[in-house]
Amino acid sequence: MAAKQGLYRYFALSDRWPARFARTGYRALLSFSLPAPRFVTRPLLAIVVLIRSTYLTVARIFWCEPLFKAYCKSYGKGLHTGSFLHWIQGTGDIIIGDNVTVDGRSAFFFAVRYSANPSLIIGDGTAIGHGCSFTVGERITIGKNCRIAANIHFFDSGGHPSHPERRLAGEPADVEDVRPITVGDNVWIGSHSAIYPGVTIGDNSVVSLGSVVMSNVPANAIVAGNPARQIRSLAPAPPAPK
């Protein structure tokens, strides 16, 4: 190790011609770039995109979607996933409505110590982005036509007790700390947000990017911040056509 470090320092710091020559060659290599004539690169790009799209489509249709559906207790028509396998740990009920998209790769964790059937319920027309995580001790319900962006964390239990000695002993969270999450219809939640246990988000509301939602959000509201606070009210959505 010492010899390796000494050699590295020699080539990095020495003023002797072998070290200078090596540094010059290394910089030239880092700055080297091939020309990219469009008559060559455009067809090559088209071929690569076609191969990639074909592979991802085949993986979604024949691998990722069927295996995700196999885990669901029930699902409606038009359920789609992305081209990656979602990570599912533990045993629980995933109940999904019609025309739902669970895109990218998300994680689903079920803790049966708090409930015999921890449940994740997703309503019709809802889309969930890449990198979301759902920790379900009792129940998380997401309504219809929601837009759940990427990297959002839902957890109806913290998973560990707040008391330091009990946490050090590896004890589970208290049962009273496991509280269901309910997201209403037509809710939009921005990326990198966190939804805490016991939270209810009212219909048509918007949770801004990076918000930490620790208390209930009324219907037709925009919230933002850590902890999230209401910053604006929205006009009630017009009634859906019958």
Protein backbone atom coordinates (compact mmCIF):
# COMPACT_ATOMS: atom_id res chain seq x y z
CA MET A 1 0.00 0.00 0.00
CA ALA A 2 2.81 2.41 0.90
CA ALA A 3 4.60 1.65 -2.37
CA LYS A 4 1.39 2.28 -4.31
CA GLN A 5 0.84 5.62 -2.57
CA GLY A 6 4.46 6.60 -3.19
CA LEU A 7 4.12 5.84 -6.91
CA TYR A 8 0.89 7.83 -7.11
CA ARG A 9 2.51 10.84 -5.41
CA TYR A 10 5.49 10.60 -7.78
CA PHE A 11 3.35 10.83 -10.91
CA ALA A 12 1.02 13.41 -9.38
CA LEU A 13 3.66 15.79 -7.94
CA SER A 14 7.11 15.15 -9.39
CA ASP A 15 8.72 17.65 -11.83
CA ARG A 16 10.78 14.95 -13.52
CA TRP A 17 10.05 14.38 -17.20
CA PRO A 18 8.47 10.87 -16.87
CA ALA A 19 5.92 12.21 -14.37
CA ARG A 20 5.22 15.35 -16.48
CA PHE A 21 4.84 13.20 -19.60
CA ALA A 22 2.43 10.87 -17.80
CA ARG A 23 0.32 13.79 -16.52
CA THR A 24 0.19 15.34 -19.98
CA GLY A 25 -0.91 12.05 -21.52
CA TYR A 26 -3.56 11.53 -18.83
CA ARG A 27 -5.03 15.01 -19.40
CA ALA A 28 -5.05 14.43 -23.17
CA LEU A 29 -6.89 11.15 -22.64
CA LEU A 30 -9.49 12.84 -20.43
CA SER A 31 -10.14 15.54 -23.00
CA PHE A 32 -10.18 13.21 -26.03
CA SER A 33 -13.47 12.99 -27.90
CA LEU A 34 -14.41 11.25 -31.14
CA PRO A 35 -16.21 13.16 -33.87
CA ALA A 36 -19.89 12.25 -34.23
CA PRO A 37 -21.08 12.73 -37.81
CA ARG A 38 -24.88 12.63 -37.87
CA PHE A 39 -25.08 10.26 -40.84
CA VAL A 40 -23.38 7.68 -38.58
CA THR A 41 -24.74 8.50 -35.13
CA ARG A 42 -28.41 9.05 -36.01
CA PRO A 43 -28.96 5.55 -37.45
CA LEU A 44 -26.93 4.09 -34.56
CA LEU A 45 -29.08 5.97 -32.05
CA ALA A 46 -32.28 4.76 -33.75
CA ILE A 47 -31.09 1.15 -33.54
CA VAL A 48 -30.15 1.47 -29.85
CA VAL A 49 -33.50 3.11 -28.98
CA LEU A 50 -35.41 0.42 -30.89
CA ILE A 51 -33.54 -2.40 -29.12
CA ARG A 52 -33.97 -0.75 -25.72
CA SER A 53 -37.68 -0.04 -26.23
CA THR A 54 -38.31 -3.59 -27.45
CA TYR A 55 -36.50 -5.10 -24.48
CA LEU A 56 -38.28 -2.89 -21.93
CA THR A 57 -41.69 -3.55 -23.48
CA VAL A 58 -41.15 -7.31 -23.50
CA ALA A 59 -39.90 -7.19 -19.89
CA ARG A 60 -42.96 -5.21 -18.80
CA ILE A 61 -45.54 -7.39 -20.58
CA PHE A 62 -44.13 -10.83 -19.86
CA TRP A 63 -42.25 -10.36 -16.57
CA CYS A 64 -42.86 -7.28 -14.46
CA GLU A 65 -46.63 -6.83 -14.80
CA PRO A 66 -47.57 -10.52 -14.38
CA LEU A 67 -45.43 -10.92 -11.25
CA PHE A 68 -46.80 -7.74 -9.69
CA LYS A 69 -50.36 -8.84 -10.47
CA ALA A 70 -49.61 -12.21 -8.88
CA TYR A 71 -48.92 -10.46 -5.58
CA CYS A 72 -52.09 -8.34 -5.67
CA LYS A 73 -55.14 -9.61 -3.82
CA SER A 74 -57.27 -7.98 -6.53
CA TYR A 75 -56.70 -5.60 -9.42
CA GLY A 76 -58.86 -4.01 -12.09
CA LYS A 77 -58.49 -3.73 -15.81
CA GLY A 78 -55.70 -1.61 -17.25
CA LEU A 79 -53.17 -2.14 -14.44
CA HIS A 80 -49.70 -1.31 -15.75
CA THR A 81 -46.22 -1.27 -14.25
CA GLY A 82 -42.90 -0.09 -15.59
CA SER A 83 -40.11 -2.31 -16.87
CA PHE A 84 -38.66 -3.12 -13.44
CA LEU A 85 -39.73 -5.51 -10.71
CA HIS A 86 -41.17 -3.80 -7.66
CA TRP A 87 -39.71 -4.82 -4.31
CA ILE A 88 -42.33 -6.38 -2.03
CA GLN A 89 -41.48 -7.58 1.47
CA GLY A 90 -43.80 -9.19 3.98
CA THR A 91 -47.37 -10.34 3.57
CA GLY A 92 -50.28 -7.99 3.01
CA ASP A 93 -53.16 -7.14 0.71
CA ILE A 94 -52.62 -4.96 -2.36
CA ILE A 95 -55.99 -3.95 -3.78
CA ILE A 96 -55.92 -1.94 -7.00
CA GLY A 97 -58.71 -0.40 -9.08
CA ASP A 98 -59.02 0.13 -12.83
CA ASN A 99 -56.51 1.94 -15.04
CA VAL A 100 -53.81 2.26 -12.40
CA THR A 101 -50.11 2.73 -13.22
CA VAL A 102 -47.38 1.80 -10.74
CA ASP A 103 -44.36 2.93 -12.69
CA GLY A 104 -40.61 2.48 -12.25
CA ARG A 105 -39.42 0.50 -9.24
CA SER A 106 -41.12 1.06 -5.89
CA ALA A 107 -40.95 -0.73 -2.53
CA PHE A 108 -43.81 -2.20 -0.52
CA PHE A 109 -43.23 -3.30 3.09
CA PHE A 110 -45.92 -5.04 5.14
CA ALA A 111 -45.69 -5.57 8.91
CA VAL A 112 -48.09 -8.26 10.13
CA ARG A 113 -47.22 -7.70 13.81
CA TYR A 114 -49.73 -4.81 13.92
CA SER A 115 -52.55 -6.24 11.80
CA ALA A 116 -53.53 -9.64 10.46
CA ASN A 117 -54.08 -8.12 7.02
CA PRO A 118 -52.15 -4.91 6.43
CA SER A 119 -53.65 -3.38 3.30
CA LEU A 120 -52.63 -0.99 0.54
CA ILE A 121 -55.65 0.22 -1.47
CA ILE A 122 -55.20 2.24 -4.68
CA GLY A 123 -58.22 3.75 -6.43
CA ASP A 124 -59.15 3.92 -10.12
CA GLY A 125 -57.08 6.07 -12.45
CA THR A 126 -54.23 6.72 -10.01
CA ALA A 127 -50.61 6.88 -11.19
CA ILE A 128 -47.62 6.23 -8.91
CA GLY A 129 -44.13 7.29 -9.94
CA HIS A 130 -40.71 5.69 -9.59
CA GLY A 131 -38.98 5.17 -6.27
CA CYS A 132 -41.97 5.43 -3.94
CA SER A 133 -42.10 3.39 -0.75
CA PHE A 134 -45.08 2.18 1.25
CA THR A 135 -44.63 0.88 4.79
CA VAL A 136 -47.93 -0.64 5.80
CA GLY A 137 -48.64 -1.77 9.34
CA GLU A 138 -52.42 -1.40 9.15
CA ARG A 139 -53.78 0.42 6.10
CA ILE A 140 -52.82 2.98 3.49
CA THR A 141 -55.61 4.12 1.16
CA ILE A 142 -55.05 6.22 -1.95
CA GLY A 143 -58.13 7.53 -3.72
CA LYS A 144 -59.13 7.81 -7.36
CA ASN A 145 -57.30 9.81 -10.05
CA CYS A 146 -54.38 10.73 -7.80
CA ARG A 147 -50.98 11.78 -9.10
CA ILE A 148 -48.25 10.40 -6.88
CA ALA A 149 -44.87 11.64 -8.12
CA ALA A 150 -41.45 9.99 -7.64
CA ASN A 151 -39.64 9.14 -4.40
CA ILE A 152 -42.53 9.66 -2.01
CA HIS A 153 -42.58 7.82 1.32
CA PHE A 154 -45.81 6.68 2.93
CA PHE A 155 -45.62 5.01 6.33
CA ASP A 156 -48.45 4.34 8.75
CA SER A 157 -45.92 3.28 11.39
CA GLY A 158 -42.45 4.52 12.23
CA GLY A 159 -41.36 0.93 12.75
CA HIS A 160 -39.46 1.63 15.99
CA PRO A 161 -40.44 3.02 19.41
CA SER A 162 -39.43 6.60 20.19
CA HIS A 163 -38.21 5.63 23.67
CA PRO A 164 -34.40 5.24 23.36
CA GLU A 165 -34.01 2.20 25.63
CA ARG A 166 -36.81 0.28 23.94
CA ARG A 167 -35.43 1.20 20.52
CA LEU A 168 -31.96 0.02 21.58
CA ALA A 169 -33.50 -3.28 22.70
CA GLY A 170 -34.98 -3.76 19.22
CA GLU A 171 -38.61 -3.59 20.32
CA PRO A 172 -41.34 -2.77 17.77
CA ALA A 173 -43.33 0.44 17.68
CA ASP A 174 -46.32 0.77 19.99
CA VAL A 175 -49.63 -0.36 18.51
CA GLU A 176 -51.16 3.07 19.16
CA ASP A 177 -48.44 4.62 16.98
CA VAL A 178 -49.71 2.66 13.96
CA ARG A 179 -52.33 4.89 12.35
CA PRO A 180 -53.84 4.51 8.86
CA ILE A 181 -53.11 6.98 6.07
CA THR A 182 -55.95 8.15 3.82
CA VAL A 183 -55.42 10.10 0.60
CA GLY A 184 -58.58 11.45 -1.03
CA ASP A 185 -59.51 11.63 -4.70
CA ASN A 186 -57.71 13.77 -7.27
CA VAL A 187 -54.77 14.50 -4.96
CA TRP A 188 -51.37 15.49 -6.38
CA ILE A 189 -48.31 14.76 -4.21
CA GLY A 190 -44.97 16.19 -5.34
CA SER A 191 -41.68 14.32 -5.45
CA HIS A 192 -39.58 13.63 -2.33
CA SER A 193 -42.46 14.17 0.08
CA ALA A 194 -43.15 12.11 3.21
CA ILE A 195 -46.61 11.22 4.49
CA TYR A 196 -46.65 10.39 8.22
CA PRO A 197 -48.86 7.99 10.19
CA GLY A 198 -52.47 9.03 10.75
CA VAL A 199 -52.53 11.68 8.02
CA THR A 200 -55.65 12.30 5.95
CA ILE A 201 -55.27 14.36 2.76
CA GLY A 202 -58.55 15.80 1.50
CA ASP A 203 -59.89 15.60 -2.04
CA ASN A 204 -58.32 17.77 -4.77
CA SER A 205 -55.43 18.93 -2.60
CA VAL A 206 -51.81 19.44 -3.64
CA VAL A 207 -48.76 18.51 -1.58
CA SER A 208 -45.79 20.50 -2.82
CA LEU A 209 -42.43 18.97 -3.66
CA GLY A 210 -40.38 17.93 -0.63
CA SER A 211 -43.14 18.41 1.92
CA VAL A 212 -43.23 16.54 5.22
CA VAL A 213 -46.92 15.98 5.97
CA MET A 214 -47.42 15.27 9.67
CA SER A 215 -51.00 16.50 10.13
CA ASN A 216 -54.24 16.39 8.18
CA VAL A 217 -54.62 18.36 4.96
CA PRO A 218 -58.08 19.80 4.23
CA ALA A 219 -59.77 19.35 0.87
CA ASN A 220 -58.94 21.85 -1.89
CA ALA A 221 -55.71 23.07 -0.31
CA ILE A 222 -52.05 23.44 -1.25
CA VAL A 223 -49.54 22.61 1.47
CA ALA A 224 -45.76 22.93 1.53
CA GLY A 225 -42.80 22.81 3.88
CA ASN A 226 -41.36 20.81 6.77
CA PRO A 227 -43.68 20.38 8.54
CA ALA A 228 -46.20 21.03 5.77
CA ARG A 229 -48.54 24.00 6.22
CA GLN A 230 -51.36 25.29 4.07
CA ILE A 231 -50.20 28.07 1.78
CA ARG A 232 -53.22 28.45 -0.47
CA SER A 233 -56.83 27.37 -0.96
CA LEU A 234 -58.15 26.01 -4.23
CA ALA A 235 -61.56 26.41 -5.78
CA PRO A 236 -63.58 23.21 -5.36
CA ALA A 237 -63.35 20.97 -8.41
CA PRO A 238 -66.44 20.97 -10.64
CA PRO A 239 -68.64 17.90 -10.26
CA ALA A 240 -67.69 15.00 -12.50
CA PRO A 241 -70.00 14.51 -15.49
CA LYS A 242 -72.56 11.77 -15.01
